[in-house]
Amino acid sequence: MTAEQPTAPTSGEKLPKGEGTHTLDTRSLRALAHPLRIKIMDSLRGDGPATSAVLATRFGENTGTLSWHLRHLAENGFIEEDEERGTRRERWWKAVHKTQVLPTSKLRKDPAARASLDLYLGQMVQDMADHVTAYLAEEWGEEWEGASLLADWNDLRLTPAGLKSLRDELMTVVNRYAEAPREPGAAPVKAQIQVFPRRERP
């Protein structure tokens, strides 16, 4: 993909492969599972390289805290210095991988991963909600608002195989747009895909 993309969680055992894709295991998940580190990775993928000072302002933290978390992410292979931007006084950081895959069904079987998995998924869902809230609070104009969509469907009836097929088709469509050349006037677009079973009420 040419566009940066946040973690794509999947419960399937067969995971997408490709250049720039990193599949989280128990060790790497535990290294990443902190609310601020998750936000840092989301920012570096979505908004591009940044310094600790830029990220500190963005998240309302001090630069010392950001620097510590950035070093931790670098030591665990999530980010690296952007040497083309960096100077002796200022270090720029960029994400190493374009996408991350979270194999939830596999990680749930590992007791050592459960706490980190719960924290990560909880933070991811909260961040998704925060992005929607921020969009609704902003003025985008009729053209952009008319092109956007917030919707859900509660009456789909699918088997696990049907749910997986729906998920894969949606991912294929989003990836096609993400890989397309950027057009003049294009703005960053947040695409959130959530498909999961629900308990039927009696």
C-alpha atoms as a PDB file:
ATOM      1  CA  MET A   1       0.000   0.000   0.000  1.00  0.00           C
ATOM      2  CA  THR A   2       1.139   3.526  -0.691  1.00  0.00           C
ATOM      3  CA  ALA A   3      -1.016   5.002   2.052  1.00  0.00           C
ATOM      4  CA  GLU A   4      -0.315   4.396   5.711  1.00  0.00           C
ATOM      5  CA  GLN A   5      -2.815   2.099   7.402  1.00  0.00           C
ATOM      6  CA  PRO A   6      -3.583   1.300  11.035  1.00  0.00           C
ATOM      7  CA  THR A   7      -3.545  -2.159  12.484  1.00  0.00           C
ATOM      8  CA  ALA A   8      -5.926  -4.518  10.734  1.00  0.00           C
ATOM      9  CA  PRO A   9      -7.162  -7.048  13.325  1.00  0.00           C
ATOM     10  CA  THR A  10      -8.331 -10.425  12.121  1.00  0.00           C
ATOM     11  CA  SER A  11      -9.520 -13.537  13.881  1.00  0.00           C
ATOM     12  CA  GLY A  12      -8.523 -15.796  10.991  1.00  0.00           C
ATOM     13  CA  GLU A  13      -5.485 -18.034  11.038  1.00  0.00           C
ATOM     14  CA  LYS A  14      -4.428 -17.219   7.464  1.00  0.00           C
ATOM     15  CA  LEU A  15      -3.065 -13.695   7.538  1.00  0.00           C
ATOM     16  CA  PRO A  16      -2.293 -11.324   4.660  1.00  0.00           C
ATOM     17  CA  LYS A  17       1.341 -11.250   3.655  1.00  0.00           C
ATOM     18  CA  GLY A  18       3.235  -8.623   1.750  1.00  0.00           C
ATOM     19  CA  GLU A  19       5.939  -6.015   1.806  1.00  0.00           C
ATOM     20  CA  GLY A  20       5.657  -3.765   4.822  1.00  0.00           C
ATOM     21  CA  THR A  21       3.304  -6.059   6.754  1.00  0.00           C
ATOM     22  CA  HIS A  22       4.161  -7.030  10.333  1.00  0.00           C
ATOM     23  CA  THR A  23       2.251  -9.746  12.193  1.00  0.00           C
ATOM     24  CA  LEU A  24       2.219  -9.146  15.934  1.00  0.00           C
ATOM     25  CA  ASP A  25       3.203 -11.999  18.238  1.00  0.00           C
ATOM     26  CA  THR A  26       3.038 -12.125  22.038  1.00  0.00           C
ATOM     27  CA  ARG A  27       6.400 -10.413  22.517  1.00  0.00           C
ATOM     28  CA  SER A  28       5.785  -7.566  20.081  1.00  0.00           C
ATOM     29  CA  LEU A  29       2.203  -7.085  21.289  1.00  0.00           C
ATOM     30  CA  ARG A  30       3.381  -6.699  24.888  1.00  0.00           C
ATOM     31  CA  ALA A  31       5.933  -4.127  23.735  1.00  0.00           C
ATOM     32  CA  LEU A  32       3.263  -2.150  21.896  1.00  0.00           C
ATOM     33  CA  ALA A  33       0.361  -2.462  24.348  1.00  0.00           C
ATOM     34  CA  HIS A  34       0.397   0.976  25.962  1.00  0.00           C
ATOM     35  CA  PRO A  35      -2.215   3.676  25.176  1.00  0.00           C
ATOM     36  CA  LEU A  36       0.373   6.306  24.232  1.00  0.00           C
ATOM     37  CA  ARG A  37       2.503   3.935  22.137  1.00  0.00           C
ATOM     38  CA  ILE A  38      -0.590   2.844  20.215  1.00  0.00           C
ATOM     39  CA  LYS A  39      -1.424   6.503  19.522  1.00  0.00           C
ATOM     40  CA  ILE A  40       2.155   7.207  18.445  1.00  0.00           C
ATOM     41  CA  MET A  41       2.065   4.377  15.899  1.00  0.00           C
ATOM     42  CA  ASP A  42      -1.332   5.471  14.589  1.00  0.00           C
ATOM     43  CA  SER A  43       0.007   9.011  14.166  1.00  0.00           C
ATOM     44  CA  LEU A  44       3.256   8.016  12.439  1.00  0.00           C
ATOM     45  CA  ARG A  45       1.361   5.836   9.973  1.00  0.00           C
ATOM     46  CA  GLY A  46      -1.445   8.294   9.334  1.00  0.00           C
ATOM     47  CA  ASP A  47       0.396  11.631   9.429  1.00  0.00           C
ATOM     48  CA  GLY A  48       3.946  10.645   8.542  1.00  0.00           C
ATOM     49  CA  PRO A  49       7.279  11.092  10.345  1.00  0.00           C
ATOM     50  CA  ALA A  50       7.470  13.331  13.417  1.00  0.00           C
ATOM     51  CA  THR A  51       9.765  14.419  16.236  1.00  0.00           C
ATOM     52  CA  SER A  52       9.198  13.874  19.937  1.00  0.00           C
ATOM     53  CA  ALA A  53       8.362  17.586  20.259  1.00  0.00           C
ATOM     54  CA  VAL A  54       5.673  17.379  17.557  1.00  0.00           C
ATOM     55  CA  LEU A  55       4.139  14.274  19.119  1.00  0.00           C
ATOM     56  CA  ALA A  56       4.315  15.765  22.620  1.00  0.00           C
ATOM     57  CA  THR A  57       2.278  18.756  21.463  1.00  0.00           C
ATOM     58  CA  ARG A  58      -0.133  16.524  19.570  1.00  0.00           C
ATOM     59  CA  PHE A  59      -0.871  14.321  22.596  1.00  0.00           C
ATOM     60  CA  GLY A  60      -0.455  16.847  25.412  1.00  0.00           C
ATOM     61  CA  GLU A  61       2.577  15.074  26.902  1.00  0.00           C
ATOM     62  CA  ASN A  62       6.090  16.256  27.738  1.00  0.00           C
ATOM     63  CA  THR A  63       8.948  15.538  25.359  1.00  0.00           C
ATOM     64  CA  GLY A  64      10.770  13.371  27.916  1.00  0.00           C
ATOM     65  CA  THR A  65       7.822  10.965  28.083  1.00  0.00           C
ATOM     66  CA  LEU A  66       7.527  10.867  24.300  1.00  0.00           C
ATOM     67  CA  SER A  67      11.255  10.281  23.865  1.00  0.00           C
ATOM     68  CA  TRP A  68      11.149   7.308  26.248  1.00  0.00           C
ATOM     69  CA  HIS A  69       8.251   5.686  24.389  1.00  0.00           C
ATOM     70  CA  LEU A  70       9.877   6.377  21.014  1.00  0.00           C
ATOM     71  CA  ARG A  71      13.081   4.668  22.119  1.00  0.00           C
ATOM     72  CA  HIS A  72      11.032   1.697  23.359  1.00  0.00           C
ATOM     73  CA  LEU A  73       9.250   1.421  20.008  1.00  0.00           C
ATOM     74  CA  ALA A  74      12.559   1.682  18.147  1.00  0.00           C
ATOM     75  CA  GLU A  75      14.191  -1.011  20.295  1.00  0.00           C
ATOM     76  CA  ASN A  76      11.322  -3.362  19.437  1.00  0.00           C
ATOM     77  CA  GLY A  77      11.453  -2.694  15.700  1.00  0.00           C
ATOM     78  CA  PHE A  78       8.275  -0.652  15.281  1.00  0.00           C
ATOM     79  CA  ILE A  79       9.904   2.638  14.277  1.00  0.00           C
ATOM     80  CA  GLU A  80      13.248   3.917  13.023  1.00  0.00           C
ATOM     81  CA  GLU A  81      14.976   7.249  12.568  1.00  0.00           C
ATOM     82  CA  ASP A  82      14.150   9.144   9.388  1.00  0.00           C
ATOM     83  CA  GLU A  83      17.718  10.088   8.531  1.00  0.00           C
ATOM     84  CA  GLU A  84      16.675  12.220   5.558  1.00  0.00           C
ATOM     85  CA  ARG A  85      14.865  14.604   7.907  1.00  0.00           C
ATOM     86  CA  GLY A  86      16.938  14.317  11.051  1.00  0.00           C
ATOM     87  CA  THR A  87      19.571  16.789  12.234  1.00  0.00           C
ATOM     88  CA  ARG A  88      22.059  16.831  15.103  1.00  0.00           C
ATOM     89  CA  ARG A  89      19.521  18.669  17.253  1.00  0.00           C
ATOM     90  CA  GLU A  90      16.338  17.005  16.060  1.00  0.00           C
ATOM     91  CA  ARG A  91      15.512  13.319  15.568  1.00  0.00           C
ATOM     92  CA  TRP A  92      12.639  12.399  13.279  1.00  0.00           C
ATOM     93  CA  TRP A  93      10.922   9.026  13.573  1.00  0.00           C
ATOM     94  CA  LYS A  94       8.943   6.989  11.065  1.00  0.00           C
ATOM     95  CA  ALA A  95       7.010   3.729  11.137  1.00  0.00           C
ATOM     96  CA  VAL A  96       8.918   0.693   9.857  1.00  0.00           C
ATOM     97  CA  HIS A  97       5.871  -1.209   8.588  1.00  0.00           C
ATOM     98  CA  LYS A  98       2.946   0.057   6.528  1.00  0.00           C
ATOM     99  CA  THR A  99       0.477  -2.352   8.121  1.00  0.00           C
ATOM    100  CA  GLN A 100       0.176  -4.533  11.214  1.00  0.00           C
ATOM    101  CA  VAL A 101      -1.877  -7.691  11.586  1.00  0.00           C
ATOM    102  CA  LEU A 102      -3.234  -8.798  14.937  1.00  0.00           C
ATOM    103  CA  PRO A 103      -4.069 -12.555  14.929  1.00  0.00           C
ATOM    104  CA  THR A 104      -6.567 -12.410  17.786  1.00  0.00           C
ATOM    105  CA  SER A 105      -7.640 -16.072  17.758  1.00  0.00           C
ATOM    106  CA  LYS A 106      -4.013 -17.212  18.016  1.00  0.00           C
ATOM    107  CA  LEU A 107      -3.056 -14.699  20.714  1.00  0.00           C
ATOM    108  CA  ARG A 108      -6.098 -15.494  22.869  1.00  0.00           C
ATOM    109  CA  LYS A 109      -4.709 -19.009  23.314  1.00  0.00           C
ATOM    110  CA  ASP A 110      -1.563 -17.612  24.951  1.00  0.00           C
ATOM    111  CA  PRO A 111      -2.138 -16.628  28.614  1.00  0.00           C
ATOM    112  CA  ALA A 112       0.897 -14.335  28.453  1.00  0.00           C
ATOM    113  CA  ALA A 113      -0.775 -12.292  25.725  1.00  0.00           C
ATOM    114  CA  ARG A 114      -4.282 -11.897  27.158  1.00  0.00           C
ATOM    115  CA  ALA A 115      -3.775  -8.719  29.198  1.00  0.00           C
ATOM    116  CA  SER A 116      -1.891  -6.981  26.389  1.00  0.00           C
ATOM    117  CA  LEU A 117      -4.456  -8.105  23.830  1.00  0.00           C
ATOM    118  CA  ASP A 118      -7.361  -6.768  25.904  1.00  0.00           C
ATOM    119  CA  LEU A 119      -5.587  -3.438  26.407  1.00  0.00           C
ATOM    120  CA  TYR A 120      -4.684  -3.126  22.740  1.00  0.00           C
ATOM    121  CA  LEU A 121      -8.162  -3.948  21.456  1.00  0.00           C
ATOM    122  CA  GLY A 122      -9.810  -1.667  24.002  1.00  0.00           C
ATOM    123  CA  GLN A 123      -7.557   1.233  23.031  1.00  0.00           C
ATOM    124  CA  MET A 124      -8.077   0.577  19.341  1.00  0.00           C
ATOM    125  CA  VAL A 125     -11.869   0.680  19.711  1.00  0.00           C
ATOM    126  CA  GLN A 126     -11.632   3.866  21.799  1.00  0.00           C
ATOM    127  CA  ASP A 127      -9.420   5.510  19.182  1.00  0.00           C
ATOM    128  CA  MET A 128     -11.899   4.554  16.450  1.00  0.00           C
ATOM    129  CA  ALA A 129     -14.702   6.197  18.401  1.00  0.00           C
ATOM    130  CA  ASP A 130     -12.538   9.286  19.018  1.00  0.00           C
ATOM    131  CA  HIS A 131     -11.886   9.677  15.288  1.00  0.00           C
ATOM    132  CA  VAL A 132     -15.613   9.571  14.524  1.00  0.00           C
ATOM    133  CA  THR A 133     -16.364  12.061  17.313  1.00  0.00           C
ATOM    134  CA  ALA A 134     -13.695  14.431  15.993  1.00  0.00           C
ATOM    135  CA  TYR A 135     -15.138  14.211  12.471  1.00  0.00           C
ATOM    136  CA  LEU A 136     -18.655  15.015  13.707  1.00  0.00           C
ATOM    137  CA  ALA A 137     -17.377  18.018  15.669  1.00  0.00           C
ATOM    138  CA  GLU A 138     -15.736  19.586  12.600  1.00  0.00           C
ATOM    139  CA  GLU A 139     -17.195  21.512   9.653  1.00  0.00           C
ATOM    140  CA  TRP A 140     -16.391  19.771   6.381  1.00  0.00           C
ATOM    141  CA  GLY A 141     -18.817  21.322   3.968  1.00  0.00           C
ATOM    142  CA  GLU A 142     -21.645  19.788   1.969  1.00  0.00           C
ATOM    143  CA  GLU A 143     -19.437  18.047  -0.607  1.00  0.00           C
ATOM    144  CA  TRP A 144     -17.335  16.135   1.944  1.00  0.00           C
ATOM    145  CA  GLU A 145     -20.226  15.402   4.312  1.00  0.00           C
ATOM    146  CA  GLY A 146     -22.358  14.183   1.402  1.00  0.00           C
ATOM    147  CA  ALA A 147     -19.604  11.752   0.410  1.00  0.00           C
ATOM    148  CA  SER A 148     -19.114  10.351   3.931  1.00  0.00           C
ATOM    149  CA  LEU A 149     -20.968   7.478   5.578  1.00  0.00           C
ATOM    150  CA  LEU A 150     -21.737   6.372   9.122  1.00  0.00           C
ATOM    151  CA  ALA A 151     -23.935   3.289   9.085  1.00  0.00           C
ATOM    152  CA  ASP A 152     -24.516  -0.119  10.612  1.00  0.00           C
ATOM    153  CA  TRP A 153     -26.560  -3.166   9.754  1.00  0.00           C
ATOM    154  CA  ASN A 154     -27.987  -5.428  12.463  1.00  0.00           C
ATOM    155  CA  ASP A 155     -29.922  -7.878  10.299  1.00  0.00           C
ATOM    156  CA  LEU A 156     -27.198  -9.609   8.298  1.00  0.00           C
ATOM    157  CA  ARG A 157     -27.326 -13.414   8.635  1.00  0.00           C
ATOM    158  CA  LEU A 158     -23.960 -15.006   7.887  1.00  0.00           C
ATOM    159  CA  THR A 159     -21.996 -18.144   8.679  1.00  0.00           C
ATOM    160  CA  PRO A 160     -18.361 -17.796   9.799  1.00  0.00           C
ATOM    161  CA  ALA A 161     -17.349 -18.437   6.181  1.00  0.00           C
ATOM    162  CA  GLY A 162     -19.765 -15.782   4.964  1.00  0.00           C
ATOM    163  CA  LEU A 163     -18.460 -13.274   7.517  1.00  0.00           C
ATOM    164  CA  LYS A 164     -14.884 -13.943   6.422  1.00  0.00           C
ATOM    165  CA  SER A 165     -15.873 -13.479   2.782  1.00  0.00           C
ATOM    166  CA  LEU A 166     -17.514 -10.134   3.587  1.00  0.00           C
ATOM    167  CA  ARG A 167     -14.438  -9.011   5.518  1.00  0.00           C
ATOM    168  CA  ASP A 168     -12.065  -9.989   2.721  1.00  0.00           C
ATOM    169  CA  GLU A 169     -14.147  -8.244   0.059  1.00  0.00           C
ATOM    170  CA  LEU A 170     -14.272  -5.040   2.102  1.00  0.00           C
ATOM    171  CA  MET A 171     -10.516  -5.123   2.652  1.00  0.00           C
ATOM    172  CA  THR A 172      -9.956  -5.653  -1.082  1.00  0.00           C
ATOM    173  CA  VAL A 173     -12.043  -2.600  -1.932  1.00  0.00           C
ATOM    174  CA  VAL A 174     -10.276  -0.365   0.606  1.00  0.00           C
ATOM    175  CA  ASN A 175      -6.840  -1.597  -0.495  1.00  0.00           C
ATOM    176  CA  ARG A 176      -7.679  -0.802  -4.130  1.00  0.00           C
ATOM    177  CA  TYR A 177      -8.388   2.822  -3.227  1.00  0.00           C
ATOM    178  CA  ALA A 178      -5.368   3.011  -0.901  1.00  0.00           C
ATOM    179  CA  GLU A 179      -3.053   1.865  -3.688  1.00  0.00           C
ATOM    180  CA  ALA A 180      -4.482   4.258  -6.284  1.00  0.00           C
ATOM    181  CA  PRO A 181      -2.474   7.377  -7.274  1.00  0.00           C
ATOM    182  CA  ARG A 182      -3.337  10.481  -5.264  1.00  0.00           C
ATOM    183  CA  GLU A 183      -5.579  12.930  -7.098  1.00  0.00           C
ATOM    184  CA  PRO A 184      -5.429  16.743  -6.816  1.00  0.00           C
ATOM    185  CA  GLY A 185      -7.579  17.943  -3.938  1.00  0.00           C
ATOM    186  CA  ALA A 186      -7.423  14.596  -2.134  1.00  0.00           C
ATOM    187  CA  ALA A 187      -7.541  14.663   1.678  1.00  0.00           C
ATOM    188  CA  PRO A 188      -6.620  11.930   4.183  1.00  0.00           C
ATOM    189  CA  VAL A 189      -9.606   9.643   4.707  1.00  0.00           C
ATOM    190  CA  LYS A 190     -10.121   7.438   7.769  1.00  0.00           C
ATOM    191  CA  ALA A 191     -11.687   4.107   6.761  1.00  0.00           C
ATOM    192  CA  GLN A 192     -12.933   1.965   9.632  1.00  0.00           C
ATOM    193  CA  ILE A 193     -14.211  -1.547   8.968  1.00  0.00           C
ATOM    194  CA  GLN A 194     -15.984  -3.359  11.786  1.00  0.00           C
ATOM    195  CA  VAL A 195     -17.681  -6.665  11.045  1.00  0.00           C
ATOM    196  CA  PHE A 196     -18.370  -9.085  13.889  1.00  0.00           C
ATOM    197  CA  PRO A 197     -21.122 -11.392  15.174  1.00  0.00           C
ATOM    198  CA  ARG A 198     -23.589 -10.236  17.825  1.00  0.00           C
ATOM    199  CA  ARG A 199     -25.585 -12.211  20.369  1.00  0.00           C
ATOM    200  CA  GLU A 200     -29.212 -12.461  19.330  1.00  0.00           C
ATOM    201  CA  ARG A 201     -31.684 -11.226  21.934  1.00  0.00           C
ATOM    202  CA  PRO A 202     -34.407 -13.695  22.906  1.00  0.00           C
END
